[in-house]
Amino acid sequence: MSSNLVHEFKGKTTAYRVWSKSTSNVSNRDKLEIFALHKQAISGDCEVTCPRNNITEKAKWNAWKNKQGLSRSVISHYLDALFGVTCCYRCPQSLHTN
């Protein structure tokens, strides 16, 4: 994996986190997709048990589990998903470039 891709991944992840905390118009579906791709890129396949009592954590777990088998090169999918969300929700230029 190229250092440019890793640098872009880290930079856009930080920018997305800052932006997403300041807006409430991103759908839960899109948030879960971004979460799952990020988690798969960072941690690989989900190997933890499904949470039972917290519906939000269970939704996150399911989203991540559905990415099982994707390699850690999923970073490019993550960046594409961020680009799609940024276009859809009109977020800052730092995220809106692909």
C-alpha atoms as a PDB file:
ATOM      1  CA  MET A   1       0.000   0.000   0.000  1.00  0.00           C
ATOM      2  CA  SER A   2       1.428   3.354  -1.011  1.00  0.00           C
ATOM      3  CA  SER A   3       2.322   5.966   1.558  1.00  0.00           C
ATOM      4  CA  ASN A   4       0.257   8.501  -0.438  1.00  0.00           C
ATOM      5  CA  LEU A   5      -2.843   6.343  -0.033  1.00  0.00           C
ATOM      6  CA  VAL A   6      -2.212   5.937   3.699  1.00  0.00           C
ATOM      7  CA  HIS A   7      -1.673   9.696   4.048  1.00  0.00           C
ATOM      8  CA  GLU A   8      -4.906  10.415   2.148  1.00  0.00           C
ATOM      9  CA  PHE A   9      -6.776   7.844   4.271  1.00  0.00           C
ATOM     10  CA  LYS A  10      -5.607   9.423   7.532  1.00  0.00           C
ATOM     11  CA  GLY A  11      -6.260  12.986   6.385  1.00  0.00           C
ATOM     12  CA  LYS A  12      -9.738  12.326   5.041  1.00  0.00           C
ATOM     13  CA  THR A  13     -10.656  10.232   8.080  1.00  0.00           C
ATOM     14  CA  THR A  14      -9.772  13.130  10.357  1.00  0.00           C
ATOM     15  CA  ALA A  15     -11.618  15.654   8.181  1.00  0.00           C
ATOM     16  CA  TYR A  16     -14.700  13.405   8.013  1.00  0.00           C
ATOM     17  CA  ARG A  17     -14.791  12.941  11.790  1.00  0.00           C
ATOM     18  CA  VAL A  18     -14.638  16.701  12.371  1.00  0.00           C
ATOM     19  CA  TRP A  19     -17.272  17.407   9.722  1.00  0.00           C
ATOM     20  CA  SER A  20     -19.648  14.602  10.738  1.00  0.00           C
ATOM     21  CA  LYS A  21     -19.750  15.849  14.341  1.00  0.00           C
ATOM     22  CA  SER A  22     -20.874  19.268  13.124  1.00  0.00           C
ATOM     23  CA  THR A  23     -23.738  18.089  10.929  1.00  0.00           C
ATOM     24  CA  SER A  24     -26.817  15.998  11.474  1.00  0.00           C
ATOM     25  CA  ASN A  25     -27.925  15.464   7.894  1.00  0.00           C
ATOM     26  CA  VAL A  26     -25.892  12.348   7.059  1.00  0.00           C
ATOM     27  CA  SER A  27     -28.118   9.276   6.991  1.00  0.00           C
ATOM     28  CA  ASN A  28     -27.500   6.428   9.418  1.00  0.00           C
ATOM     29  CA  ARG A  29     -27.072   4.121   6.420  1.00  0.00           C
ATOM     30  CA  ASP A  30     -24.234   6.261   5.074  1.00  0.00           C
ATOM     31  CA  LYS A  31     -22.638   6.585   8.515  1.00  0.00           C
ATOM     32  CA  LEU A  32     -22.714   2.807   8.927  1.00  0.00           C
ATOM     33  CA  GLU A  33     -21.148   2.250   5.509  1.00  0.00           C
ATOM     34  CA  ILE A  34     -18.305   4.652   6.293  1.00  0.00           C
ATOM     35  CA  PHE A  35     -17.842   3.085   9.739  1.00  0.00           C
ATOM     36  CA  ALA A  36     -17.767  -0.468   8.369  1.00  0.00           C
ATOM     37  CA  LEU A  37     -15.275   0.303   5.602  1.00  0.00           C
ATOM     38  CA  HIS A  38     -13.034   2.180   8.035  1.00  0.00           C
ATOM     39  CA  LYS A  39     -13.176  -0.617  10.600  1.00  0.00           C
ATOM     40  CA  GLN A  40     -12.424  -3.245   7.936  1.00  0.00           C
ATOM     41  CA  ALA A  41      -9.487  -1.203   6.642  1.00  0.00           C
ATOM     42  CA  ILE A  42      -8.041  -0.727  10.127  1.00  0.00           C
ATOM     43  CA  SER A  43      -8.875  -4.016  11.837  1.00  0.00           C
ATOM     44  CA  GLY A  44      -9.645  -6.547   9.116  1.00  0.00           C
ATOM     45  CA  ASP A  45     -12.463  -9.061   9.550  1.00  0.00           C
ATOM     46  CA  CYS A  46     -14.790  -8.728  12.523  1.00  0.00           C
ATOM     47  CA  GLU A  47     -13.803 -11.262  15.159  1.00  0.00           C
ATOM     48  CA  VAL A  48     -15.737  -9.929  18.141  1.00  0.00           C
ATOM     49  CA  THR A  49     -19.075 -11.184  19.366  1.00  0.00           C
ATOM     50  CA  CYS A  50     -22.227  -9.322  18.480  1.00  0.00           C
ATOM     51  CA  PRO A  51     -23.395  -6.895  21.168  1.00  0.00           C
ATOM     52  CA  ARG A  52     -26.821  -7.836  22.474  1.00  0.00           C
ATOM     53  CA  ASN A  53     -28.181  -4.935  24.482  1.00  0.00           C
ATOM     54  CA  ASN A  54     -27.172  -1.866  22.475  1.00  0.00           C
ATOM     55  CA  ILE A  55     -29.003  -1.400  19.171  1.00  0.00           C
ATOM     56  CA  THR A  56     -26.494   1.152  17.849  1.00  0.00           C
ATOM     57  CA  GLU A  57     -23.505  -1.074  18.562  1.00  0.00           C
ATOM     58  CA  LYS A  58     -25.322  -4.049  17.035  1.00  0.00           C
ATOM     59  CA  ALA A  59     -25.980  -2.061  13.832  1.00  0.00           C
ATOM     60  CA  LYS A  60     -22.287  -1.117  13.670  1.00  0.00           C
ATOM     61  CA  TRP A  61     -21.272  -4.726  14.267  1.00  0.00           C
ATOM     62  CA  ASN A  62     -23.613  -5.949  11.489  1.00  0.00           C
ATOM     63  CA  ALA A  63     -22.287  -3.343   9.051  1.00  0.00           C
ATOM     64  CA  TRP A  64     -18.685  -4.347   9.800  1.00  0.00           C
ATOM     65  CA  LYS A  65     -19.488  -8.072   9.674  1.00  0.00           C
ATOM     66  CA  ASN A  66     -20.968  -7.568   6.186  1.00  0.00           C
ATOM     67  CA  LYS A  67     -17.540  -6.405   4.983  1.00  0.00           C
ATOM     68  CA  GLN A  68     -15.965  -9.705   6.036  1.00  0.00           C
ATOM     69  CA  GLY A  69     -13.521 -11.050   3.488  1.00  0.00           C
ATOM     70  CA  LEU A  70     -12.578  -7.684   2.023  1.00  0.00           C
ATOM     71  CA  SER A  71      -8.847  -7.205   2.209  1.00  0.00           C
ATOM     72  CA  ARG A  72      -7.241  -4.309   4.002  1.00  0.00           C
ATOM     73  CA  SER A  73      -6.834  -2.699   0.592  1.00  0.00           C
ATOM     74  CA  VAL A  74     -10.440  -1.703   1.216  1.00  0.00           C
ATOM     75  CA  ILE A  75      -9.009   1.781   1.831  1.00  0.00           C
ATOM     76  CA  SER A  76      -9.772   2.721  -1.762  1.00  0.00           C
ATOM     77  CA  HIS A  77     -13.424   1.656  -1.234  1.00  0.00           C
ATOM     78  CA  TYR A  78     -13.499   3.764   1.922  1.00  0.00           C
ATOM     79  CA  LEU A  79     -12.160   6.810   0.087  1.00  0.00           C
ATOM     80  CA  ASP A  80     -14.707   6.291  -2.706  1.00  0.00           C
ATOM     81  CA  ALA A  81     -17.513   6.074  -0.131  1.00  0.00           C
ATOM     82  CA  LEU A  82     -16.281   9.262   1.553  1.00  0.00           C
ATOM     83  CA  PHE A  83     -16.271  10.977  -1.825  1.00  0.00           C
ATOM     84  CA  GLY A  84     -19.868   9.863  -2.461  1.00  0.00           C
ATOM     85  CA  VAL A  85     -21.040  11.076   0.938  1.00  0.00           C
ATOM     86  CA  THR A  86     -19.245  14.389   0.542  1.00  0.00           C
ATOM     87  CA  CYS A  87     -20.850  14.984  -2.830  1.00  0.00           C
ATOM     88  CA  CYS A  88     -24.289  14.044  -1.537  1.00  0.00           C
ATOM     89  CA  TYR A  89     -24.186  16.105   1.645  1.00  0.00           C
ATOM     90  CA  ARG A  90     -22.103  19.054   0.416  1.00  0.00           C
ATOM     91  CA  CYS A  91     -19.316  18.876   2.928  1.00  0.00           C
ATOM     92  CA  PRO A  92     -16.055  20.833   2.991  1.00  0.00           C
ATOM     93  CA  GLN A  93     -13.625  20.861   0.105  1.00  0.00           C
ATOM     94  CA  SER A  94     -11.045  18.936   2.165  1.00  0.00           C
ATOM     95  CA  LEU A  95     -13.303  15.897   1.877  1.00  0.00           C
ATOM     96  CA  HIS A  96     -14.863  16.629  -1.475  1.00  0.00           C
ATOM     97  CA  THR A  97     -11.844  15.828  -3.627  1.00  0.00           C
ATOM     98  CA  ASN A  98     -11.149  12.420  -5.041  1.00  0.00           C
END
